[in-house]
Protein backbone atom coordinates (compact mmCIF):
# COMPACT_ATOMS: atom_id res chain seq x y z
CA UNK A 1 -11.03 -49.12 -64.95
CA UNK A 2 -14.30 -47.40 -64.15
CA UNK A 3 -16.93 -46.58 -66.74
CA UNK A 4 -16.20 -43.76 -69.16
CA UNK A 5 -18.60 -41.11 -67.84
CA UNK A 6 -16.66 -38.83 -65.47
CA UNK A 7 -17.40 -35.26 -64.39
CA UNK A 8 -14.67 -33.55 -62.35
CA UNK A 9 -15.20 -30.34 -60.41
CA UNK A 10 -12.37 -27.85 -61.05
CA UNK A 11 -13.71 -24.99 -58.93
CA UNK A 12 -10.73 -25.19 -56.58
CA UNK A 13 -8.22 -24.67 -59.37
CA UNK A 14 -10.28 -21.82 -60.83
CA UNK A 15 -10.22 -20.11 -57.43
CA UNK A 16 -6.41 -20.36 -57.33
CA UNK A 17 -5.77 -18.59 -60.64
CA UNK A 18 -3.45 -15.64 -60.04
CA UNK A 19 -2.74 -16.60 -56.42
CA UNK A 20 0.76 -18.05 -56.71
CA UNK A 21 2.08 -21.59 -56.43
CA UNK A 22 -0.41 -24.43 -56.02
CA UNK A 23 -1.00 -25.80 -52.53
CA UNK A 24 -1.14 -29.51 -51.69
CA UNK A 25 -4.92 -29.72 -52.15
CA UNK A 26 -4.63 -27.80 -55.44
CA UNK A 27 -2.11 -30.34 -56.70
CA UNK A 28 -4.50 -33.18 -55.93
CA UNK A 29 -7.24 -31.63 -58.05
CA UNK A 30 -4.65 -31.01 -60.78
CA UNK A 31 -3.61 -34.69 -60.72
CA UNK A 32 -7.24 -35.77 -60.95
CA UNK A 33 -7.70 -33.56 -64.01
CA UNK A 34 -4.90 -35.41 -65.81
CA UNK A 35 -6.33 -38.77 -64.75
CA UNK A 36 -9.83 -37.93 -65.97
CA UNK A 37 -8.46 -36.78 -69.32
CA UNK A 38 -6.55 -40.06 -69.65
CA UNK A 39 -9.42 -42.27 -68.44
CA UNK A 40 -12.49 -40.84 -70.16
CA UNK A 41 -12.54 -40.17 -73.89
CA UNK A 42 -15.32 -37.60 -73.51
CA UNK A 43 -15.21 -36.25 -69.94
CA UNK A 44 -17.10 -33.36 -68.41
CA UNK A 45 -15.74 -30.68 -66.10
CA UNK A 46 -17.67 -28.26 -63.91
CA UNK A 47 -16.78 -24.99 -62.22
CA UNK A 48 -18.80 -22.64 -60.06
CA UNK A 49 -17.87 -19.23 -61.43
CA UNK A 50 -18.73 -15.75 -60.22
CA UNK A 51 -21.64 -15.66 -62.71
CA UNK A 52 -22.96 -19.23 -62.44
CA UNK A 53 -21.94 -22.75 -63.40
CA UNK A 54 -19.92 -23.63 -66.49
CA UNK A 55 -19.85 -27.17 -67.92
CA UNK A 56 -17.12 -27.94 -70.44
CA UNK A 57 -15.26 -30.83 -72.05
CA UNK A 58 -11.78 -31.88 -73.18
CA UNK A 59 -10.99 -28.80 -75.26
CA UNK A 60 -11.89 -26.40 -72.47
CA UNK A 61 -10.08 -28.44 -69.84
CA UNK A 62 -6.86 -28.62 -71.83
CA UNK A 63 -6.95 -24.88 -72.59
CA UNK A 64 -7.57 -24.09 -68.90
CA UNK A 65 -4.83 -26.42 -67.63
CA UNK A 66 -2.29 -25.18 -70.16
CA UNK A 67 -2.85 -21.59 -69.02
CA UNK A 68 -2.78 -22.66 -65.36
CA UNK A 69 0.56 -24.40 -65.95
CA UNK A 70 1.98 -21.30 -67.65
CA UNK A 71 2.16 -22.90 -71.08
CA UNK A 72 -0.17 -20.31 -72.58
CA UNK A 73 -1.61 -16.93 -71.64
CA UNK A 74 -5.06 -16.29 -70.28
CA UNK A 75 -7.22 -14.69 -72.98
CA UNK A 76 -8.39 -11.08 -72.91
CA UNK A 77 -11.53 -10.43 -70.84
CA UNK A 78 -14.86 -11.01 -72.54
CA UNK A 79 -17.88 -8.71 -72.50
CA UNK A 80 -19.32 -10.25 -69.33
CA UNK A 81 -16.05 -9.66 -67.47
CA UNK A 82 -15.95 -6.06 -68.60
CA UNK A 83 -19.59 -5.46 -67.65
CA UNK A 84 -18.94 -6.73 -64.12
CA UNK A 85 -15.91 -4.47 -63.76
CA UNK A 86 -13.57 -7.38 -62.97
CA UNK A 87 -11.76 -7.78 -66.25
CA UNK A 88 -8.37 -6.98 -64.73
CA UNK A 89 -8.39 -10.07 -62.48
CA UNK A 90 -6.72 -13.22 -63.82
CA UNK A 91 -9.48 -15.40 -62.38
CA UNK A 92 -12.07 -13.57 -64.50
CA UNK A 93 -9.92 -13.95 -67.59
CA UNK A 94 -9.88 -17.69 -66.75
CA UNK A 95 -13.68 -17.63 -66.49
CA UNK A 96 -13.81 -15.93 -69.88
CA UNK A 97 -11.72 -18.78 -71.33
CA UNK A 98 -14.08 -21.38 -69.89
CA UNK A 99 -17.19 -19.56 -71.14
CA UNK A 100 -15.62 -19.64 -74.60
CA UNK A 101 -15.41 -23.46 -74.36
CA UNK A 102 -18.67 -24.06 -72.52
CA UNK A 103 -20.91 -26.99 -73.37
CA UNK A 104 -23.54 -25.33 -71.22
CA UNK A 105 -23.88 -22.55 -68.65
CA UNK A 106 -26.47 -21.67 -66.04
CA UNK A 107 -27.15 -19.47 -63.06
CA UNK A 108 -26.47 -21.05 -59.69
CA UNK A 109 -30.13 -21.89 -59.07
CA UNK A 110 -30.49 -23.82 -62.34
CA UNK A 111 -27.78 -26.47 -61.92
CA UNK A 112 -30.16 -29.45 -61.81
CA UNK A 113 -31.69 -28.51 -65.15
CA UNK A 114 -28.26 -28.10 -66.76
CA UNK A 115 -27.09 -31.47 -65.46
CA UNK A 116 -30.27 -33.29 -66.47
CA UNK A 117 -29.82 -32.03 -70.03
CA UNK A 118 -26.08 -32.60 -70.44
CA UNK A 119 -24.86 -35.41 -68.16
CA UNK A 120 -24.22 -38.75 -69.79
CA UNK A 121 -25.63 -42.03 -68.54
CA UNK A 122 -23.97 -43.45 -65.39
CA UNK A 123 -21.92 -40.32 -64.73
CA UNK A 124 -19.62 -40.22 -61.70
CA UNK A 125 -19.21 -36.73 -60.27
CA UNK A 126 -15.84 -36.23 -58.54
CA UNK A 127 -15.20 -33.42 -56.08
CA UNK A 128 -11.66 -33.61 -54.68
CA UNK A 129 -10.77 -30.03 -53.73
CA UNK A 130 -13.07 -29.05 -50.83
CA UNK A 131 -14.60 -26.39 -53.12
CA UNK A 132 -18.17 -26.21 -54.39
CA UNK A 133 -18.90 -28.99 -51.90
CA UNK A 134 -22.36 -27.74 -51.00
CA UNK A 135 -25.79 -29.19 -50.33
CA UNK A 136 -27.23 -27.52 -53.43
CA UNK A 137 -24.51 -28.81 -55.77
CA UNK A 138 -24.43 -32.42 -54.52
CA UNK A 139 -28.23 -32.64 -54.39
CA UNK A 140 -28.44 -31.45 -58.01
CA UNK A 141 -26.17 -34.29 -59.11
CA UNK A 142 -27.87 -37.01 -57.05
CA UNK A 143 -31.31 -35.93 -58.24
CA UNK A 144 -30.29 -37.15 -61.69
CA UNK A 145 -30.89 -40.89 -62.23
CA UNK A 146 -27.81 -43.16 -62.33
CA UNK A 147 -25.42 -40.42 -61.17
CA UNK A 148 -23.05 -41.28 -58.33
CA UNK A 149 -21.04 -38.82 -56.27
CA UNK A 150 -17.52 -39.39 -54.92
CA UNK A 151 -15.90 -36.87 -52.59
CA UNK A 152 -12.27 -36.74 -51.48
CA UNK A 153 -11.96 -35.32 -47.96
CA UNK A 154 -8.45 -34.28 -46.99
CA UNK A 155 -8.81 -33.95 -43.21
CA UNK A 156 -11.14 -33.12 -40.32
CA UNK A 157 -8.88 -30.43 -38.88
CA UNK A 158 -11.49 -27.61 -38.74
CA UNK A 159 -13.64 -29.76 -36.44
CA UNK A 160 -10.89 -31.44 -34.43
CA UNK A 161 -8.72 -28.32 -34.12
CA UNK A 162 -10.92 -25.24 -34.64
CA UNK A 163 -8.17 -23.09 -33.13
CA UNK A 164 -6.22 -23.58 -36.36
CA UNK A 165 -9.01 -22.20 -38.57
CA UNK A 166 -10.63 -18.87 -39.16
CA UNK A 167 -13.75 -18.47 -37.00
CA UNK A 168 -16.17 -19.11 -39.87
CA UNK A 169 -14.45 -22.25 -41.17
CA UNK A 170 -15.62 -24.95 -38.67
CA UNK A 171 -19.28 -24.17 -39.34
CA UNK A 172 -18.72 -24.20 -43.09
CA UNK A 173 -16.77 -27.44 -42.85
CA UNK A 174 -19.55 -29.07 -40.82
CA UNK A 175 -22.04 -28.18 -43.58
CA UNK A 176 -19.64 -29.64 -46.14
CA UNK A 177 -19.42 -32.94 -44.26
CA UNK A 178 -23.20 -33.04 -43.83
CA UNK A 179 -23.72 -32.52 -47.56
CA UNK A 180 -21.18 -35.25 -48.31
CA UNK A 181 -22.84 -37.65 -45.88
CA UNK A 182 -26.30 -36.98 -47.30
CA UNK A 183 -25.40 -37.26 -50.99
CA UNK A 184 -22.05 -38.97 -51.60
CA UNK A 185 -21.87 -42.63 -52.59
CA UNK A 186 -18.18 -42.80 -51.69
CA UNK A 187 -15.81 -40.87 -49.42
CA UNK A 188 -12.18 -41.03 -50.52
CA UNK A 189 -9.63 -40.52 -47.71
CA UNK A 190 -6.00 -39.60 -48.26
CA UNK A 191 -4.83 -41.61 -45.22
CA UNK A 192 -6.10 -44.08 -42.65
CA UNK A 193 -5.63 -41.39 -40.03
CA UNK A 194 -7.97 -39.06 -41.95
CA UNK A 195 -10.46 -41.90 -42.27
CA UNK A 196 -10.42 -42.48 -38.50
CA UNK A 197 -11.03 -38.80 -37.84
CA UNK A 198 -13.85 -38.54 -40.38
CA UNK A 199 -15.66 -41.60 -39.02
CA UNK A 200 -15.98 -39.74 -35.72
CA UNK A 201 -17.94 -36.98 -37.47
CA UNK A 202 -19.90 -38.94 -40.08
CA UNK A 203 -22.16 -41.96 -40.17
CA UNK A 204 -20.22 -45.24 -39.86
CA UNK A 205 -22.50 -46.59 -42.59
CA UNK A 206 -20.82 -44.37 -45.18
CA UNK A 207 -18.65 -46.04 -47.81
CA UNK A 208 -15.04 -45.04 -47.21
CA UNK A 209 -11.88 -45.93 -49.10
CA UNK A 210 -8.31 -44.97 -48.21
CA UNK A 211 -5.93 -44.14 -51.05
CA UNK A 212 -2.63 -42.44 -50.29
CA UNK A 213 -1.97 -39.49 -52.56
CA UNK A 214 0.75 -39.71 -55.16
CA UNK A 215 3.66 -37.33 -55.52
CA UNK A 216 3.82 -34.88 -58.41
CA UNK A 217 6.37 -35.55 -61.12
CA UNK A 218 9.88 -34.59 -60.11
CA UNK A 219 10.82 -31.22 -61.60
CA UNK A 220 14.20 -30.14 -62.87
CA UNK A 221 16.37 -28.00 -60.62
CA UNK A 222 16.33 -24.27 -61.29
CA UNK A 223 18.90 -21.69 -60.21
CA UNK A 224 18.26 -19.51 -57.19
CA UNK A 225 18.81 -15.79 -57.30
CA UNK A 226 19.79 -15.83 -53.64
CA UNK A 227 23.26 -16.98 -52.79
CA UNK A 228 23.57 -20.18 -50.74
CA UNK A 229 26.53 -20.34 -48.40
CA UNK A 230 28.06 -23.81 -49.06
CA UNK A 231 29.95 -23.69 -45.74
CA UNK A 232 26.86 -23.15 -43.57
CA UNK A 233 24.37 -25.97 -42.94
CA UNK A 234 20.83 -25.10 -43.97
CA UNK A 235 17.39 -26.38 -43.08
CA UNK A 236 14.18 -25.86 -45.03
CA UNK A 237 10.62 -25.47 -43.72
CA UNK A 238 8.11 -25.89 -46.53
CA UNK A 239 4.41 -25.00 -46.34
CA UNK A 240 1.90 -22.18 -45.98
CA UNK A 241 2.74 -19.91 -43.05
CA UNK A 242 -0.20 -20.32 -40.67
CA UNK A 243 -0.65 -21.28 -36.99
CA UNK A 244 -1.15 -25.00 -37.66
CA UNK A 245 2.27 -25.28 -39.27
CA UNK A 246 3.94 -24.17 -36.02
CA UNK A 247 6.62 -21.87 -37.47
CA UNK A 248 6.67 -20.19 -34.07
CA UNK A 249 8.63 -23.13 -32.67
CA UNK A 250 11.37 -22.71 -35.26
CA UNK A 251 11.80 -19.03 -34.46
CA UNK A 252 12.15 -20.00 -30.80
CA UNK A 253 14.74 -22.64 -31.66
CA UNK A 254 16.82 -20.36 -33.87
CA UNK A 255 16.94 -17.76 -31.12
CA UNK A 256 18.37 -20.43 -28.79
CA UNK A 257 20.99 -21.81 -31.18
CA UNK A 258 24.54 -20.70 -30.39
CA UNK A 259 25.83 -18.01 -32.71
CA UNK A 260 28.92 -20.02 -33.51
CA UNK A 261 27.95 -22.59 -36.12
CA UNK A 262 24.30 -21.48 -36.27
CA UNK A 263 22.70 -23.02 -39.40
CA UNK A 264 20.48 -21.15 -41.82
CA UNK A 265 16.70 -21.56 -41.78
CA UNK A 266 14.82 -21.11 -45.07
CA UNK A 267 11.06 -20.68 -44.62
CA UNK A 268 9.36 -21.42 -47.95
CA UNK A 269 5.68 -20.71 -48.46
CA UNK A 270 3.08 -18.04 -48.85
CA UNK A 271 1.65 -16.26 -45.87
CA UNK A 272 -1.75 -17.58 -44.96
CA UNK A 273 -3.99 -16.50 -42.14
CA UNK A 274 -2.25 -15.98 -38.82
CA UNK A 275 -1.88 -13.46 -36.03
CA UNK A 276 -0.31 -10.18 -36.94
CA UNK A 277 1.89 -10.65 -33.88
CA UNK A 278 3.59 -13.65 -35.49
CA UNK A 279 4.17 -11.87 -38.81
CA UNK A 280 5.52 -8.92 -36.88
CA UNK A 281 7.93 -11.22 -35.08
CA UNK A 282 9.04 -12.82 -38.34
CA UNK A 283 9.52 -9.45 -40.04
CA UNK A 284 11.54 -7.97 -37.17
CA UNK A 285 13.43 -11.05 -36.01
CA UNK A 286 17.06 -10.08 -35.34
CA UNK A 287 18.26 -13.10 -37.36
CA UNK A 288 16.16 -12.29 -40.43
CA UNK A 289 18.39 -11.89 -43.46
CA UNK A 290 21.42 -13.43 -41.75
CA UNK A 291 20.28 -16.84 -40.45
CA UNK A 292 16.52 -16.82 -41.16
CA UNK A 293 15.24 -16.33 -44.71
CA UNK A 294 11.66 -16.21 -46.01
CA UNK A 295 10.75 -17.14 -49.60
CA UNK A 296 7.18 -16.67 -50.85
CA UNK A 297 7.53 -17.06 -54.61
CA UNK A 298 9.97 -19.86 -55.40
CA UNK A 299 9.18 -22.18 -58.29
CA UNK A 300 9.06 -25.95 -57.73
CA UNK A 301 12.46 -26.24 -59.42
CA UNK A 302 13.96 -23.64 -57.09
CA UNK A 303 12.50 -25.40 -54.06
CA UNK A 304 14.21 -28.59 -55.20
CA UNK A 305 17.52 -26.73 -55.51
CA UNK A 306 17.07 -25.35 -51.99
CA UNK A 307 16.14 -28.73 -50.51
CA UNK A 308 18.93 -30.73 -52.12
CA UNK A 309 22.07 -30.35 -50.08
CA UNK A 310 20.17 -29.16 -47.03
CA UNK A 311 20.64 -30.87 -43.66
CA UNK A 312 16.95 -31.57 -43.34
CA UNK A 313 13.36 -30.59 -43.93
CA UNK A 314 11.73 -29.22 -40.76
CA UNK A 315 8.03 -30.01 -40.44
CA UNK A 316 6.81 -29.13 -36.91
CA UNK A 317 3.12 -29.16 -37.89
CA UNK A 318 0.53 -29.51 -35.15
CA UNK A 319 -2.11 -31.24 -37.29
CA UNK A 320 -2.08 -32.75 -40.78
CA UNK A 321 -4.34 -34.70 -43.09
CA UNK A 322 -1.58 -36.11 -45.29
CA UNK A 323 1.58 -33.99 -45.38
CA UNK A 324 3.37 -33.69 -48.73
CA UNK A 325 6.66 -31.94 -47.75
CA UNK A 326 8.26 -34.85 -45.82
CA UNK A 327 7.59 -37.22 -48.71
CA UNK A 328 8.95 -34.75 -51.23
CA UNK A 329 12.08 -34.34 -49.12
CA UNK A 330 12.54 -38.10 -48.68
CA UNK A 331 12.31 -38.58 -52.45
CA UNK A 332 15.29 -36.22 -52.81
CA UNK A 333 17.27 -38.05 -50.13
CA UNK A 334 16.77 -35.21 -47.63
CA UNK A 335 16.03 -36.17 -44.03
CA UNK A 336 12.55 -35.09 -42.84
CA UNK A 337 12.49 -33.97 -39.19
CA UNK A 338 8.79 -34.15 -38.40
CA UNK A 339 6.19 -33.82 -35.72
CA UNK A 340 5.32 -37.17 -34.19
CA UNK A 341 1.83 -37.47 -35.67
CA UNK A 342 0.10 -40.75 -36.58
CA UNK A 343 -0.50 -39.66 -40.17
CA UNK A 344 3.19 -38.88 -40.74
CA UNK A 345 4.28 -42.23 -39.31
CA UNK A 346 1.73 -43.82 -41.66
CA UNK A 347 2.97 -42.06 -44.80
CA UNK A 348 6.69 -41.43 -44.19
CA UNK A 349 7.33 -44.56 -42.09
CA UNK A 350 10.93 -44.96 -40.90
CA UNK A 351 12.40 -42.37 -43.27
CA UNK A 352 12.09 -39.48 -40.80
CA UNK A 353 13.05 -38.31 -37.33
CA UNK A 354 9.94 -37.74 -35.20
CA UNK A 355 9.79 -35.12 -32.45
CA UNK A 356 7.17 -33.66 -30.12
CA UNK A 357 5.95 -30.45 -31.85
CA UNK A 358 5.53 -28.79 -28.46
CA UNK A 359 9.04 -29.58 -27.18
CA UNK A 360 11.40 -26.90 -28.47
CA UNK A 361 14.35 -28.42 -26.61
CA UNK A 362 14.17 -31.70 -28.57
CA UNK A 363 14.14 -29.74 -31.84
CA UNK A 364 17.04 -27.59 -30.65
CA UNK A 365 19.21 -30.57 -29.78
CA UNK A 366 18.30 -32.47 -32.96
CA UNK A 367 19.10 -29.47 -35.16
CA UNK A 368 22.40 -28.87 -33.35
CA UNK A 369 23.43 -32.50 -33.82
CA UNK A 370 22.21 -32.64 -37.40
CA UNK A 371 24.11 -29.47 -38.29
CA UNK A 372 27.35 -31.27 -37.49
CA UNK A 373 26.60 -34.28 -39.69
CA UNK A 374 28.51 -34.77 -42.93
CA UNK A 375 25.89 -35.32 -45.62
CA UNK A 376 28.29 -36.97 -48.05
CA UNK A 377 28.79 -39.86 -45.64
CA UNK A 378 25.17 -40.64 -44.80
CA UNK A 379 22.84 -43.29 -46.14
CA UNK A 380 19.17 -42.55 -45.50
CA UNK A 381 16.57 -45.34 -45.58
CA UNK A 382 15.03 -45.80 -49.01
CA UNK A 383 11.59 -44.21 -48.98
CA UNK A 384 8.62 -46.24 -50.17
CA UNK A 385 6.82 -43.45 -51.95
CA UNK A 386 3.11 -43.47 -52.81
CA UNK A 387 2.20 -43.20 -56.49
CA UNK A 388 -0.73 -41.71 -58.33
CA UNK A 389 -1.09 -44.96 -60.27
CA UNK A 390 -1.73 -46.86 -57.03
CA UNK A 391 -4.09 -44.14 -55.83
CA UNK A 392 -6.20 -44.19 -58.96
CA UNK A 393 -6.23 -47.98 -59.13
CA UNK A 394 -7.67 -48.04 -55.60
CA UNK A 395 -10.19 -45.29 -56.37
CA UNK A 396 -11.27 -46.94 -59.62
CA UNK A 397 -11.99 -50.23 -57.88
CA UNK A 398 -13.88 -48.46 -55.08
CA UNK A 399 -16.02 -46.52 -57.57
CA UNK A 400 -16.94 -49.73 -59.34
CA UNK A 401 -17.94 -51.35 -56.06
CA UNK A 402 -19.90 -48.29 -54.97
CA UNK A 403 -21.91 -48.29 -58.17
CA UNK A 404 -22.60 -51.99 -57.77
CA UNK A 405 -23.54 -51.49 -54.11
CA UNK A 406 -20.68 -53.70 -52.89
CA UNK A 407 -18.90 -51.18 -50.61
CA UNK A 408 -18.91 -52.21 -46.94
């Protein structure tokens, strides 16, 4: 194991309070929070709040995570929240909770002073959520003696595929990579494919380590309020609705499927950024409500119920850094039908069907054939699933080597 002095940035999770189910990147930061609490007897946590930085310890972290998980309520707003006129927002009630448990607080410009006064010897700062990953923040940590910085980068999609990002994101992402290159001792990659893409944009002299992400604990099934027709095959598409996820292809396919025997398509995920034209098409699609269904607020247990018994998970993504949904489906014995991307072949291996995400005909024919399969008779390949234990073992060893200067 690494040394005991860990400081984990939880800004990403703070930003998600009140915004629905956690995304894949959110779940990674959540897993790291549990690991830090298990690994370090006296850890530190940092968030960049709307009114400055907050540094807190075990008590504050457990209170924050319990409320985030729905095990307790967020507290009433404090005076600062009321003075800023934002007391009705859940995020600002979360900030009030963290201020209550603060070891120290400071304005944004005074982070170095706060860290120099309150960081322990040989601290490792971990930023794993692509939030608060700025030049000012990383420089403040590295300016403190004996502090090392480790950053988990999930992909290079904003630079490799700017068409899948909002206009301002590629420039911001470039600054984030530059800050990481200038100040990080270690770059953690979620896949070898991500590592290959990042090396193209960063110095080859950086210390990289690849550690596949683990899957969250399996949740219990929960009942669905919607009725599932047991006599009609169903497919599930899981993920934020945005251009990169290529939902457009599935709408094209469902329009081409013959009416007789047409399966049901369940699109599960919150609406992200996308063209209004696509949302208009989804909202007015003639099959909406009869063969195409959209779900934006299902719990993890309800998603499991929807996936189990389905004829497949559809994942026609055009670019991915890791890709959780196919692995989650494979764990449940559900066949993933995926885009033929190097990262998905790396993580899902031979447990999926791979198709060209631009070839609607191949998806049409595969879905037609799959709809006629009898699930009770099939035996899918056993999936070799990544674990968080293996991830953290790899990261721990890499952090030790980075501190000793032994990373290649």
